[in-house]
């Protein structure tokens, strides 16, 4: 039986602080609304933090890594050994998100939930191994109930670490060969869309391989998902350890009153699952970018989400969300540092 901690209520947003921030926006030396969504972002951050002038000094990035049994169906252009090799690359600081984290002054960690090959002790890598990858979702449920519970809990634990360090923003990333297959299967089950419309190239598949991947997902959906399957069962049967951990992290962050910046297709699919499990989570999420992966637009539509950036990125890792962090900081700086009409001696 899965622990139902994710049913606990999320934190309340401070409407009074948000109103005070909105009033400050009206006093700044600019026409009302002229900074567009930057104004909205500052006001939302104020409501989340409970202060009229928010800060965004401490950003926490957790990359969840795991392998997938469905890789044996030939749905990825890369072998599963790459997951472990990338964990080591994250540890050395050589991955894209590692660079972006340094540029943003963010704390970054990696959580190994179950690469096929254990990477061994590495700086900045937490071992929370559940199994050496999930089962092949084309043939059987990807996870046991206990495996799903452990993955959700790993997401919760990552947020606990972030909150303990005073993080103002949580960013989740993922790494795992064949994880776009798992995420697409979850997205199809949660949105009712067909695999052919959501399946994309992932690591760089050609058209024929994408068609084969969609066929694998279609067979998995027919085998695994009965009508009316609940979101936890969808995650268990079709997801991956890292997808479930992201969902758990978004729920835990909302419960702790810490906003989360969501990355691309896989992270957004996890966010959709999190919201289906705990609807209040939606109020604590921002979406960093619109991925070039075909399924992302459909998931964003289901979420009613408006991403901050559209740069044709599709790397994962949390890289798109990390790219949006400076934009959020600019919104905060403008809100806090612009002069008011009174301070500038300008007629309002």
C-alpha atoms as a PDB file:
ATOM      1  CA  UNK A   1       0.000   0.000   0.000  1.00  0.00           C
ATOM      2  CA  UNK A   2       1.475   3.347  -1.034  1.00  0.00           C
ATOM      3  CA  UNK A   3       1.935   5.858   1.776  1.00  0.00           C
ATOM      4  CA  UNK A   4      -0.578   8.650   1.227  1.00  0.00           C
ATOM      5  CA  UNK A   5       1.642  11.530   2.368  1.00  0.00           C
ATOM      6  CA  UNK A   6       1.044  13.154  -1.005  1.00  0.00           C
ATOM      7  CA  UNK A   7      -2.598  13.754  -0.014  1.00  0.00           C
ATOM      8  CA  UNK A   8      -1.576  16.210   2.686  1.00  0.00           C
ATOM      9  CA  UNK A   9      -2.603  19.807   1.889  1.00  0.00           C
ATOM     10  CA  UNK A  10      -0.204  22.175   0.150  1.00  0.00           C
ATOM     11  CA  UNK A  11       0.925  25.420   1.761  1.00  0.00           C
ATOM     12  CA  UNK A  12      -1.263  28.507   1.512  1.00  0.00           C
ATOM     13  CA  UNK A  13      -0.210  31.393  -0.703  1.00  0.00           C
ATOM     14  CA  UNK A  14       0.014  34.761   1.080  1.00  0.00           C
ATOM     15  CA  UNK A  15      -2.571  36.822  -0.794  1.00  0.00           C
ATOM     16  CA  UNK A  16      -1.827  39.904   1.299  1.00  0.00           C
ATOM     17  CA  UNK A  17       1.843  39.856   0.290  1.00  0.00           C
ATOM     18  CA  UNK A  18       0.858  39.354  -3.352  1.00  0.00           C
ATOM     19  CA  UNK A  19      -1.477  42.369  -3.166  1.00  0.00           C
ATOM     20  CA  UNK A  20       1.283  44.472  -1.596  1.00  0.00           C
ATOM     21  CA  UNK A  21       3.614  43.466  -4.428  1.00  0.00           C
ATOM     22  CA  UNK A  22       0.954  44.354  -6.966  1.00  0.00           C
ATOM     23  CA  UNK A  23       0.541  47.767  -5.343  1.00  0.00           C
ATOM     24  CA  UNK A  24       4.302  48.294  -5.527  1.00  0.00           C
ATOM     25  CA  UNK A  25       4.239  47.429  -9.237  1.00  0.00           C
ATOM     26  CA  UNK A  26       1.679  50.210  -9.715  1.00  0.00           C
ATOM     27  CA  UNK A  27       4.059  52.720  -8.099  1.00  0.00           C
ATOM     28  CA  UNK A  28       7.161  51.893 -10.169  1.00  0.00           C
ATOM     29  CA  UNK A  29       8.377  54.288 -12.862  1.00  0.00           C
ATOM     30  CA  UNK A  30       6.761  52.584 -15.847  1.00  0.00           C
ATOM     31  CA  UNK A  31       3.333  52.350 -17.456  1.00  0.00           C
ATOM     32  CA  UNK A  32       1.185  49.703 -15.731  1.00  0.00           C
ATOM     33  CA  UNK A  33       1.779  46.253 -17.205  1.00  0.00           C
ATOM     34  CA  UNK A  34       4.623  47.410 -19.429  1.00  0.00           C
ATOM     35  CA  UNK A  35       7.001  44.734 -18.118  1.00  0.00           C
ATOM     36  CA  UNK A  36       4.493  42.035 -18.967  1.00  0.00           C
ATOM     37  CA  UNK A  37       5.022  38.666 -17.351  1.00  0.00           C
ATOM     38  CA  UNK A  38       8.035  39.921 -15.404  1.00  0.00           C
ATOM     39  CA  UNK A  39       5.573  41.831 -13.245  1.00  0.00           C
ATOM     40  CA  UNK A  40       3.412  38.746 -12.781  1.00  0.00           C
ATOM     41  CA  UNK A  41       6.444  36.651 -11.796  1.00  0.00           C
ATOM     42  CA  UNK A  42       7.498  39.120  -9.106  1.00  0.00           C
ATOM     43  CA  UNK A  43       3.974  39.195  -7.682  1.00  0.00           C
ATOM     44  CA  UNK A  44       3.730  35.406  -7.644  1.00  0.00           C
ATOM     45  CA  UNK A  45       7.090  35.098  -5.903  1.00  0.00           C
ATOM     46  CA  UNK A  46       5.907  37.621  -3.326  1.00  0.00           C
ATOM     47  CA  UNK A  47       2.816  35.559  -2.616  1.00  0.00           C
ATOM     48  CA  UNK A  48       4.863  32.404  -2.308  1.00  0.00           C
ATOM     49  CA  UNK A  49       7.414  33.974   0.038  1.00  0.00           C
ATOM     50  CA  UNK A  50       4.945  36.037   2.061  1.00  0.00           C
ATOM     51  CA  UNK A  51       6.802  39.312   1.529  1.00  0.00           C
ATOM     52  CA  UNK A  52       6.105  42.336  -0.690  1.00  0.00           C
ATOM     53  CA  UNK A  53       9.673  42.286  -2.042  1.00  0.00           C
ATOM     54  CA  UNK A  54      10.789  38.702  -2.669  1.00  0.00           C
ATOM     55  CA  UNK A  55      14.330  37.393  -3.102  1.00  0.00           C
ATOM     56  CA  UNK A  56      15.712  34.594  -5.257  1.00  0.00           C
ATOM     57  CA  UNK A  57      19.179  34.051  -3.866  1.00  0.00           C
ATOM     58  CA  UNK A  58      19.152  30.301  -3.182  1.00  0.00           C
ATOM     59  CA  UNK A  59      18.246  27.958  -6.045  1.00  0.00           C
ATOM     60  CA  UNK A  60      18.397  24.184  -5.596  1.00  0.00           C
ATOM     61  CA  UNK A  61      18.684  21.779  -8.541  1.00  0.00           C
ATOM     62  CA  UNK A  62      18.222  18.033  -8.138  1.00  0.00           C
ATOM     63  CA  UNK A  63      18.773  15.713 -11.096  1.00  0.00           C
ATOM     64  CA  UNK A  64      17.144  12.308 -10.626  1.00  0.00           C
ATOM     65  CA  UNK A  65      18.760   9.484 -12.614  1.00  0.00           C
ATOM     66  CA  UNK A  66      17.584   5.954 -13.388  1.00  0.00           C
ATOM     67  CA  UNK A  67      17.426   3.374 -16.155  1.00  0.00           C
ATOM     68  CA  UNK A  68      14.426   1.792 -17.875  1.00  0.00           C
ATOM     69  CA  UNK A  69      13.728  -1.808 -18.795  1.00  0.00           C
ATOM     70  CA  UNK A  70      11.913  -0.701 -21.948  1.00  0.00           C
ATOM     71  CA  UNK A  71      15.305   0.234 -23.401  1.00  0.00           C
ATOM     72  CA  UNK A  72      15.599  -3.403 -24.493  1.00  0.00           C
ATOM     73  CA  UNK A  73      12.894  -2.633 -27.084  1.00  0.00           C
ATOM     74  CA  UNK A  74      15.334  -0.418 -29.017  1.00  0.00           C
ATOM     75  CA  UNK A  75      13.599   2.870 -28.209  1.00  0.00           C
ATOM     76  CA  UNK A  76      16.767   4.913 -27.664  1.00  0.00           C
ATOM     77  CA  UNK A  77      19.691   5.858 -29.853  1.00  0.00           C
ATOM     78  CA  UNK A  78      22.088   5.386 -26.926  1.00  0.00           C
ATOM     79  CA  UNK A  79      22.933   2.361 -24.731  1.00  0.00           C
ATOM     80  CA  UNK A  80      21.987   2.274 -21.048  1.00  0.00           C
ATOM     81  CA  UNK A  81      25.627   2.617 -20.029  1.00  0.00           C
ATOM     82  CA  UNK A  82      25.243   6.316 -20.880  1.00  0.00           C
ATOM     83  CA  UNK A  83      23.075   6.891 -17.789  1.00  0.00           C
ATOM     84  CA  UNK A  84      25.908   5.947 -15.456  1.00  0.00           C
ATOM     85  CA  UNK A  85      28.447   7.788 -17.587  1.00  0.00           C
ATOM     86  CA  UNK A  86      26.301  10.913 -17.377  1.00  0.00           C
ATOM     87  CA  UNK A  87      25.990  10.592 -13.597  1.00  0.00           C
ATOM     88  CA  UNK A  88      29.780  10.724 -13.484  1.00  0.00           C
ATOM     89  CA  UNK A  89      29.746  13.671 -15.878  1.00  0.00           C
ATOM     90  CA  UNK A  90      27.304  15.524 -13.599  1.00  0.00           C
ATOM     91  CA  UNK A  91      29.604  14.838 -10.670  1.00  0.00           C
ATOM     92  CA  UNK A  92      32.576  16.277 -12.556  1.00  0.00           C
ATOM     93  CA  UNK A  93      30.570  19.351 -13.559  1.00  0.00           C
ATOM     94  CA  UNK A  94      30.712  18.631 -17.294  1.00  0.00           C
ATOM     95  CA  UNK A  95      27.008  18.396 -18.188  1.00  0.00           C
ATOM     96  CA  UNK A  96      24.935  21.263 -19.596  1.00  0.00           C
ATOM     97  CA  UNK A  97      22.900  21.643 -16.414  1.00  0.00           C
ATOM     98  CA  UNK A  98      26.112  21.598 -14.385  1.00  0.00           C
ATOM     99  CA  UNK A  99      27.369  24.608 -16.326  1.00  0.00           C
ATOM    100  CA  UNK A 100      24.039  26.399 -16.021  1.00  0.00           C
ATOM    101  CA  UNK A 101      23.908  25.697 -12.285  1.00  0.00           C
ATOM    102  CA  UNK A 102      27.347  27.246 -11.809  1.00  0.00           C
ATOM    103  CA  UNK A 103      26.373  30.276 -13.866  1.00  0.00           C
ATOM    104  CA  UNK A 104      23.259  30.709 -11.721  1.00  0.00           C
ATOM    105  CA  UNK A 105      25.125  30.139  -8.463  1.00  0.00           C
ATOM    106  CA  UNK A 106      22.725  27.267  -7.773  1.00  0.00           C
ATOM    107  CA  UNK A 107      23.375  24.237  -5.614  1.00  0.00           C
ATOM    108  CA  UNK A 108      23.205  21.068  -7.707  1.00  0.00           C
ATOM    109  CA  UNK A 109      22.957  17.449  -6.652  1.00  0.00           C
ATOM    110  CA  UNK A 110      22.297  14.151  -8.413  1.00  0.00           C
ATOM    111  CA  UNK A 111      20.213  11.297  -7.019  1.00  0.00           C
ATOM    112  CA  UNK A 112      20.919   7.809  -8.408  1.00  0.00           C
ATOM    113  CA  UNK A 113      17.623   5.954  -8.144  1.00  0.00           C
ATOM    114  CA  UNK A 114      18.669   2.974 -10.190  1.00  0.00           C
ATOM    115  CA  UNK A 115      21.092   3.127 -13.079  1.00  0.00           C
ATOM    116  CA  UNK A 116      21.741  -0.367 -14.439  1.00  0.00           C
ATOM    117  CA  UNK A 117      25.389   0.047 -13.495  1.00  0.00           C
ATOM    118  CA  UNK A 118      25.899   1.584 -10.060  1.00  0.00           C
ATOM    119  CA  UNK A 119      28.269   4.546 -10.440  1.00  0.00           C
ATOM    120  CA  UNK A 120      29.837   4.100  -7.002  1.00  0.00           C
ATOM    121  CA  UNK A 121      30.468   6.909  -4.517  1.00  0.00           C
ATOM    122  CA  UNK A 122      30.837  10.254  -6.273  1.00  0.00           C
ATOM    123  CA  UNK A 123      30.942  13.864  -5.070  1.00  0.00           C
ATOM    124  CA  UNK A 124      27.514  15.477  -5.228  1.00  0.00           C
ATOM    125  CA  UNK A 125      25.717  12.194  -5.943  1.00  0.00           C
ATOM    126  CA  UNK A 126      23.252  10.690  -3.474  1.00  0.00           C
ATOM    127  CA  UNK A 127      22.656   6.951  -3.738  1.00  0.00           C
ATOM    128  CA  UNK A 128      18.962   6.122  -3.312  1.00  0.00           C
ATOM    129  CA  UNK A 129      18.980   3.035  -5.489  1.00  0.00           C
ATOM    130  CA  UNK A 130      15.676   1.209  -5.750  1.00  0.00           C
ATOM    131  CA  UNK A 131      16.641  -1.370  -8.374  1.00  0.00           C
ATOM    132  CA  UNK A 132      18.922  -1.615 -11.393  1.00  0.00           C
ATOM    133  CA  UNK A 133      16.361   0.116 -13.569  1.00  0.00           C
ATOM    134  CA  UNK A 134      12.630  -0.442 -13.960  1.00  0.00           C
ATOM    135  CA  UNK A 135      11.006  -3.454 -15.577  1.00  0.00           C
ATOM    136  CA  UNK A 136      10.088  -3.407 -19.270  1.00  0.00           C
ATOM    137  CA  UNK A 137       6.765  -1.544 -19.362  1.00  0.00           C
ATOM    138  CA  UNK A 138       5.855  -3.188 -22.662  1.00  0.00           C
ATOM    139  CA  UNK A 139       5.643  -6.530 -20.866  1.00  0.00           C
ATOM    140  CA  UNK A 140       4.908  -5.841 -17.169  1.00  0.00           C
ATOM    141  CA  UNK A 141       4.433  -2.958 -14.731  1.00  0.00           C
ATOM    142  CA  UNK A 142       7.539  -0.773 -14.615  1.00  0.00           C
ATOM    143  CA  UNK A 143       7.574  -0.662 -10.812  1.00  0.00           C
ATOM    144  CA  UNK A 144       6.305  -2.524  -7.809  1.00  0.00           C
ATOM    145  CA  UNK A 145       4.174  -0.612  -5.303  1.00  0.00           C
ATOM    146  CA  UNK A 146       7.194  -0.473  -3.020  1.00  0.00           C
ATOM    147  CA  UNK A 147       9.356   0.859  -5.848  1.00  0.00           C
ATOM    148  CA  UNK A 148       6.908   3.645  -6.594  1.00  0.00           C
ATOM    149  CA  UNK A 149       6.712   4.552  -2.915  1.00  0.00           C
ATOM    150  CA  UNK A 150      10.524   4.702  -2.721  1.00  0.00           C
ATOM    151  CA  UNK A 151      10.750   6.895  -5.826  1.00  0.00           C
ATOM    152  CA  UNK A 152       8.125   9.349  -4.562  1.00  0.00           C
ATOM    153  CA  UNK A 153       9.901   9.444  -1.205  1.00  0.00           C
ATOM    154  CA  UNK A 154      13.239  10.193  -2.905  1.00  0.00           C
ATOM    155  CA  UNK A 155      11.655  13.281  -4.430  1.00  0.00           C
ATOM    156  CA  UNK A 156      10.346  14.297  -1.016  1.00  0.00           C
ATOM    157  CA  UNK A 157      13.807  13.817   0.522  1.00  0.00           C
ATOM    158  CA  UNK A 158      15.429  16.034  -2.120  1.00  0.00           C
ATOM    159  CA  UNK A 159      12.986  18.837  -1.312  1.00  0.00           C
ATOM    160  CA  UNK A 160      13.649  18.352   2.391  1.00  0.00           C
ATOM    161  CA  UNK A 161      17.348  18.959   1.724  1.00  0.00           C
ATOM    162  CA  UNK A 162      16.529  22.057  -0.332  1.00  0.00           C
ATOM    163  CA  UNK A 163      14.221  23.477   2.343  1.00  0.00           C
ATOM    164  CA  UNK A 164      16.808  22.825   5.057  1.00  0.00           C
ATOM    165  CA  UNK A 165      19.248  25.016   3.100  1.00  0.00           C
ATOM    166  CA  UNK A 166      16.708  27.823   2.717  1.00  0.00           C
ATOM    167  CA  UNK A 167      16.074  27.329  -0.999  1.00  0.00           C
ATOM    168  CA  UNK A 168      13.834  29.950  -2.575  1.00  0.00           C
ATOM    169  CA  UNK A 169      13.280  27.822  -5.678  1.00  0.00           C
ATOM    170  CA  UNK A 170      13.441  24.099  -6.460  1.00  0.00           C
ATOM    171  CA  UNK A 171      14.383  22.829  -9.928  1.00  0.00           C
ATOM    172  CA  UNK A 172      14.065  19.155 -10.812  1.00  0.00           C
ATOM    173  CA  UNK A 173      15.912  17.462 -13.648  1.00  0.00           C
ATOM    174  CA  UNK A 174      16.187  13.899 -14.928  1.00  0.00           C
ATOM    175  CA  UNK A 175      18.544  11.549 -16.709  1.00  0.00           C
ATOM    176  CA  UNK A 176      17.813   8.062 -17.940  1.00  0.00           C
ATOM    177  CA  UNK A 177      18.142   6.290 -21.254  1.00  0.00           C
ATOM    178  CA  UNK A 178      14.641   5.477 -22.615  1.00  0.00           C
ATOM    179  CA  UNK A 179      12.933   7.877 -20.220  1.00  0.00           C
ATOM    180  CA  UNK A 180      11.116   9.736 -23.001  1.00  0.00           C
ATOM    181  CA  UNK A 181       9.378   6.436 -23.770  1.00  0.00           C
ATOM    182  CA  UNK A 182       8.203   6.089 -20.173  1.00  0.00           C
ATOM    183  CA  UNK A 183       7.188   9.753 -19.975  1.00  0.00           C
ATOM    184  CA  UNK A 184       5.284   9.555 -23.262  1.00  0.00           C
ATOM    185  CA  UNK A 185       3.389   6.503 -22.052  1.00  0.00           C
ATOM    186  CA  UNK A 186       2.461   8.340 -18.842  1.00  0.00           C
ATOM    187  CA  UNK A 187       1.481  11.450 -20.807  1.00  0.00           C
ATOM    188  CA  UNK A 188      -0.757   9.407 -23.130  1.00  0.00           C
ATOM    189  CA  UNK A 189      -2.483   7.756 -20.173  1.00  0.00           C
ATOM    190  CA  UNK A 190      -3.055  11.070 -18.376  1.00  0.00           C
ATOM    191  CA  UNK A 191      -4.148  13.135 -21.381  1.00  0.00           C
ATOM    192  CA  UNK A 192      -5.964  10.515 -23.444  1.00  0.00           C
ATOM    193  CA  UNK A 193      -3.829  11.371 -26.472  1.00  0.00           C
ATOM    194  CA  UNK A 194      -2.575   8.643 -28.792  1.00  0.00           C
ATOM    195  CA  UNK A 195       1.109   7.637 -28.880  1.00  0.00           C
ATOM    196  CA  UNK A 196       1.593   8.660 -32.501  1.00  0.00           C
ATOM    197  CA  UNK A 197       0.803  12.291 -31.700  1.00  0.00           C
ATOM    198  CA  UNK A 198       3.058  12.516 -28.624  1.00  0.00           C
ATOM    199  CA  UNK A 199       6.037  10.307 -29.440  1.00  0.00           C
ATOM    200  CA  UNK A 200       9.219  12.141 -30.393  1.00  0.00           C
ATOM    201  CA  UNK A 201      12.856  11.433 -31.235  1.00  0.00           C
ATOM    202  CA  UNK A 202      14.154  11.598 -27.663  1.00  0.00           C
ATOM    203  CA  UNK A 203      17.898  11.086 -27.960  1.00  0.00           C
ATOM    204  CA  UNK A 204      17.771  11.461 -31.751  1.00  0.00           C
ATOM    205  CA  UNK A 205      15.781   8.623 -33.324  1.00  0.00           C
ATOM    206  CA  UNK A 206      14.986   8.661 -37.030  1.00  0.00           C
ATOM    207  CA  UNK A 207      11.406   8.504 -38.320  1.00  0.00           C
ATOM    208  CA  UNK A 208      11.303   4.712 -38.530  1.00  0.00           C
ATOM    209  CA  UNK A 209      12.579   4.361 -34.973  1.00  0.00           C
ATOM    210  CA  UNK A 210      10.072   6.933 -33.687  1.00  0.00           C
ATOM    211  CA  UNK A 211       7.282   4.879 -35.269  1.00  0.00           C
ATOM    212  CA  UNK A 212       8.606   1.745 -33.572  1.00  0.00           C
ATOM    213  CA  UNK A 213       8.786   3.613 -30.258  1.00  0.00           C
ATOM    214  CA  UNK A 214       5.153   4.729 -30.642  1.00  0.00           C
ATOM    215  CA  UNK A 215       4.181   1.121 -31.285  1.00  0.00           C
ATOM    216  CA  UNK A 216       5.904  -0.001 -28.088  1.00  0.00           C
ATOM    217  CA  UNK A 217       4.017   2.667 -26.146  1.00  0.00           C
ATOM    218  CA  UNK A 218       0.695   1.688 -27.739  1.00  0.00           C
ATOM    219  CA  UNK A 219       1.233  -1.961 -26.728  1.00  0.00           C
ATOM    220  CA  UNK A 220       2.180  -0.911 -23.199  1.00  0.00           C
ATOM    221  CA  UNK A 221      -0.955   1.206 -22.836  1.00  0.00           C
ATOM    222  CA  UNK A 222      -3.147  -1.653 -24.030  1.00  0.00           C
ATOM    223  CA  UNK A 223      -1.523  -4.054 -21.579  1.00  0.00           C
ATOM    224  CA  UNK A 224      -1.076  -1.848 -18.528  1.00  0.00           C
ATOM    225  CA  UNK A 225      -3.811   0.750 -18.188  1.00  0.00           C
ATOM    226  CA  UNK A 226      -7.408  -0.208 -17.407  1.00  0.00           C
ATOM    227  CA  UNK A 227     -10.125   2.388 -17.806  1.00  0.00           C
ATOM    228  CA  UNK A 228     -10.120   4.850 -14.924  1.00  0.00           C
ATOM    229  CA  UNK A 229      -6.627   3.982 -13.708  1.00  0.00           C
ATOM    230  CA  UNK A 230      -5.577   6.413 -10.990  1.00  0.00           C
ATOM    231  CA  UNK A 231      -2.460   8.587 -11.416  1.00  0.00           C
ATOM    232  CA  UNK A 232      -0.395   6.575  -8.937  1.00  0.00           C
ATOM    233  CA  UNK A 233      -1.146   3.398 -10.896  1.00  0.00           C
ATOM    234  CA  UNK A 234      -0.230   5.147 -14.147  1.00  0.00           C
ATOM    235  CA  UNK A 235       3.112   6.148 -12.661  1.00  0.00           C
ATOM    236  CA  UNK A 236       3.722   2.669 -11.269  1.00  0.00           C
ATOM    237  CA  UNK A 237       2.882   0.795 -14.434  1.00  0.00           C
ATOM    238  CA  UNK A 238       4.328   3.126 -17.080  1.00  0.00           C
ATOM    239  CA  UNK A 239       6.693   5.569 -15.403  1.00  0.00           C
ATOM    240  CA  UNK A 240      10.287   5.550 -14.322  1.00  0.00           C
ATOM    241  CA  UNK A 241      11.919   6.015 -10.958  1.00  0.00           C
ATOM    242  CA  UNK A 242      13.032   9.518 -11.926  1.00  0.00           C
ATOM    243  CA  UNK A 243       9.603  10.486 -13.285  1.00  0.00           C
ATOM    244  CA  UNK A 244       7.958   9.414 -10.026  1.00  0.00           C
ATOM    245  CA  UNK A 245      10.654  11.144  -7.972  1.00  0.00           C
ATOM    246  CA  UNK A 246       9.982  14.401  -9.823  1.00  0.00           C
ATOM    247  CA  UNK A 247       6.259  14.045  -9.117  1.00  0.00           C
ATOM    248  CA  UNK A 248       7.011  13.448  -5.447  1.00  0.00           C
ATOM    249  CA  UNK A 249       9.329  16.448  -5.364  1.00  0.00           C
ATOM    250  CA  UNK A 250       6.707  18.800  -6.814  1.00  0.00           C
ATOM    251  CA  UNK A 251       4.147  17.655  -4.250  1.00  0.00           C
ATOM    252  CA  UNK A 252       6.609  17.966  -1.370  1.00  0.00           C
ATOM    253  CA  UNK A 253       7.715  21.416  -2.528  1.00  0.00           C
ATOM    254  CA  UNK A 254       4.117  22.662  -2.618  1.00  0.00           C
ATOM    255  CA  UNK A 255       3.505  21.223   0.834  1.00  0.00           C
ATOM    256  CA  UNK A 256       6.632  22.982   2.117  1.00  0.00           C
ATOM    257  CA  UNK A 257       5.724  26.310   0.491  1.00  0.00           C
ATOM    258  CA  UNK A 258       8.655  26.253  -1.939  1.00  0.00           C
ATOM    259  CA  UNK A 259       7.921  27.081  -5.590  1.00  0.00           C
ATOM    260  CA  UNK A 260       9.238  24.677  -8.211  1.00  0.00           C
ATOM    261  CA  UNK A 261      10.448  25.590 -11.688  1.00  0.00           C
ATOM    262  CA  UNK A 262       9.502  22.754 -14.056  1.00  0.00           C
ATOM    263  CA  UNK A 263      11.744  21.707 -16.941  1.00  0.00           C
ATOM    264  CA  UNK A 264      10.680  20.186 -20.255  1.00  0.00           C
ATOM    265  CA  UNK A 265       8.602  17.240 -21.460  1.00  0.00           C
ATOM    266  CA  UNK A 266       9.534  14.610 -18.885  1.00  0.00           C
ATOM    267  CA  UNK A 267       9.432  17.012 -15.951  1.00  0.00           C
ATOM    268  CA  UNK A 268       6.120  18.487 -17.130  1.00  0.00           C
ATOM    269  CA  UNK A 269       4.642  15.005 -17.432  1.00  0.00           C
ATOM    270  CA  UNK A 270       5.730  14.366 -13.848  1.00  0.00           C
ATOM    271  CA  UNK A 271       4.131  17.693 -12.870  1.00  0.00           C
ATOM    272  CA  UNK A 272       0.867  16.626 -14.515  1.00  0.00           C
ATOM    273  CA  UNK A 273       0.944  13.388 -12.521  1.00  0.00           C
ATOM    274  CA  UNK A 274       1.682  15.351  -9.339  1.00  0.00           C
ATOM    275  CA  UNK A 275      -1.297  17.649  -9.931  1.00  0.00           C
ATOM    276  CA  UNK A 276      -3.580  14.688 -10.603  1.00  0.00           C
ATOM    277  CA  UNK A 277      -2.449  13.255  -7.252  1.00  0.00           C
ATOM    278  CA  UNK A 278      -2.661  16.600  -5.418  1.00  0.00           C
ATOM    279  CA  UNK A 279      -4.443  19.358  -7.372  1.00  0.00           C
ATOM    280  CA  UNK A 280      -3.166  22.194  -5.151  1.00  0.00           C
ATOM    281  CA  UNK A 281       0.361  21.579  -6.453  1.00  0.00           C
ATOM    282  CA  UNK A 282      -0.553  23.568  -9.575  1.00  0.00           C
ATOM    283  CA  UNK A 283      -0.453  26.829  -7.614  1.00  0.00           C
ATOM    284  CA  UNK A 284       3.230  26.312  -6.747  1.00  0.00           C
ATOM    285  CA  UNK A 285       4.647  25.595 -10.199  1.00  0.00           C
ATOM    286  CA  UNK A 286       6.337  27.681 -12.865  1.00  0.00           C
ATOM    287  CA  UNK A 287       7.261  26.224 -16.252  1.00  0.00           C
ATOM    288  CA  UNK A 288      10.709  27.062 -17.560  1.00  0.00           C
ATOM    289  CA  UNK A 289      10.468  26.411 -21.287  1.00  0.00           C
ATOM    290  CA  UNK A 290       8.625  24.745 -24.140  1.00  0.00           C
ATOM    291  CA  UNK A 291      10.598  21.737 -25.309  1.00  0.00           C
ATOM    292  CA  UNK A 292      11.040  20.748 -28.936  1.00  0.00           C
ATOM    293  CA  UNK A 293       9.910  17.230 -27.961  1.00  0.00           C
ATOM    294  CA  UNK A 294       6.487  16.841 -29.666  1.00  0.00           C
ATOM    295  CA  UNK A 295       4.593  15.674 -26.604  1.00  0.00           C
ATOM    296  CA  UNK A 296       5.443  18.703 -24.519  1.00  0.00           C
ATOM    297  CA  UNK A 297       2.925  21.039 -26.118  1.00  0.00           C
ATOM    298  CA  UNK A 298       0.099  18.595 -25.364  1.00  0.00           C
ATOM    299  CA  UNK A 299       1.195  18.222 -21.750  1.00  0.00           C
ATOM    300  CA  UNK A 300       1.475  21.991 -21.327  1.00  0.00           C
ATOM    301  CA  UNK A 301      -2.023  22.316 -22.759  1.00  0.00           C
ATOM    302  CA  UNK A 302      -3.340  19.778 -20.254  1.00  0.00           C
ATOM    303  CA  UNK A 303      -1.624  21.750 -17.495  1.00  0.00           C
ATOM    304  CA  UNK A 304      -2.887  25.111 -18.747  1.00  0.00           C
ATOM    305  CA  UNK A 305       0.737  26.219 -18.448  1.00  0.00           C
ATOM    306  CA  UNK A 306       2.538  29.097 -20.151  1.00  0.00           C
ATOM    307  CA  UNK A 307       6.291  28.418 -20.244  1.00  0.00           C
ATOM    308  CA  UNK A 308       8.731  31.280 -19.830  1.00  0.00           C
ATOM    309  CA  UNK A 309      11.045  30.426 -22.755  1.00  0.00           C
ATOM    310  CA  UNK A 310      10.869  28.724 -26.149  1.00  0.00           C
ATOM    311  CA  UNK A 311      14.381  27.948 -27.355  1.00  0.00           C
ATOM    312  CA  UNK A 312      13.843  24.601 -29.132  1.00  0.00           C
ATOM    313  CA  UNK A 313      15.719  22.816 -26.350  1.00  0.00           C
ATOM    314  CA  UNK A 314      15.089  19.110 -25.695  1.00  0.00           C
ATOM    315  CA  UNK A 315      18.026  18.002 -23.585  1.00  0.00           C
ATOM    316  CA  UNK A 316      16.338  17.401 -20.258  1.00  0.00           C
ATOM    317  CA  UNK A 317      18.527  17.329 -17.133  1.00  0.00           C
ATOM    318  CA  UNK A 318      16.694  20.433 -15.854  1.00  0.00           C
ATOM    319  CA  UNK A 319      18.630  22.496 -18.401  1.00  0.00           C
ATOM    320  CA  UNK A 320      15.665  24.429 -19.798  1.00  0.00           C
ATOM    321  CA  UNK A 321      14.463  25.366 -16.322  1.00  0.00           C
ATOM    322  CA  UNK A 322      17.971  26.379 -15.278  1.00  0.00           C
ATOM    323  CA  UNK A 323      18.172  28.626 -18.333  1.00  0.00           C
ATOM    324  CA  UNK A 324      15.084  30.484 -17.070  1.00  0.00           C
ATOM    325  CA  UNK A 325      16.502  31.186 -13.584  1.00  0.00           C
ATOM    326  CA  UNK A 326      18.220  34.462 -14.630  1.00  0.00           C
ATOM    327  CA  UNK A 327      14.898  35.657 -16.053  1.00  0.00           C
ATOM    328  CA  UNK A 328      13.223  35.128 -12.682  1.00  0.00           C
ATOM    329  CA  UNK A 329      16.034  36.982 -10.967  1.00  0.00           C
ATOM    330  CA  UNK A 330      15.623  39.894 -13.373  1.00  0.00           C
ATOM    331  CA  UNK A 331      11.926  40.013 -12.493  1.00  0.00           C
ATOM    332  CA  UNK A 332      12.821  40.199  -8.801  1.00  0.00           C
ATOM    333  CA  UNK A 333      15.514  42.843  -9.333  1.00  0.00           C
ATOM    334  CA  UNK A 334      13.198  45.055 -11.374  1.00  0.00           C
ATOM    335  CA  UNK A 335      10.488  44.739  -8.749  1.00  0.00           C
ATOM    336  CA  UNK A 336      12.790  45.543  -5.837  1.00  0.00           C
ATOM    337  CA  UNK A 337      15.215  48.077  -7.320  1.00  0.00           C
ATOM    338  CA  UNK A 338      13.234  50.252  -9.697  1.00  0.00           C
ATOM    339  CA  UNK A 339      12.379  53.653  -8.294  1.00  0.00           C
ATOM    340  CA  UNK A 340       8.816  54.552  -7.473  1.00  0.00           C
ATOM    341  CA  UNK A 341       7.270  57.684  -8.981  1.00  0.00           C
ATOM    342  CA  UNK A 342       7.631  59.401  -5.619  1.00  0.00           C
ATOM    343  CA  UNK A 343      11.298  58.429  -5.215  1.00  0.00           C
ATOM    344  CA  UNK A 344      12.126  59.602  -8.725  1.00  0.00           C
ATOM    345  CA  UNK A 345      10.117  62.790  -8.514  1.00  0.00           C
ATOM    346  CA  UNK A 346       8.071  61.809 -11.570  1.00  0.00           C
ATOM    347  CA  UNK A 347       4.398  62.592 -11.927  1.00  0.00           C
ATOM    348  CA  UNK A 348       2.277  59.489 -11.777  1.00  0.00           C
END
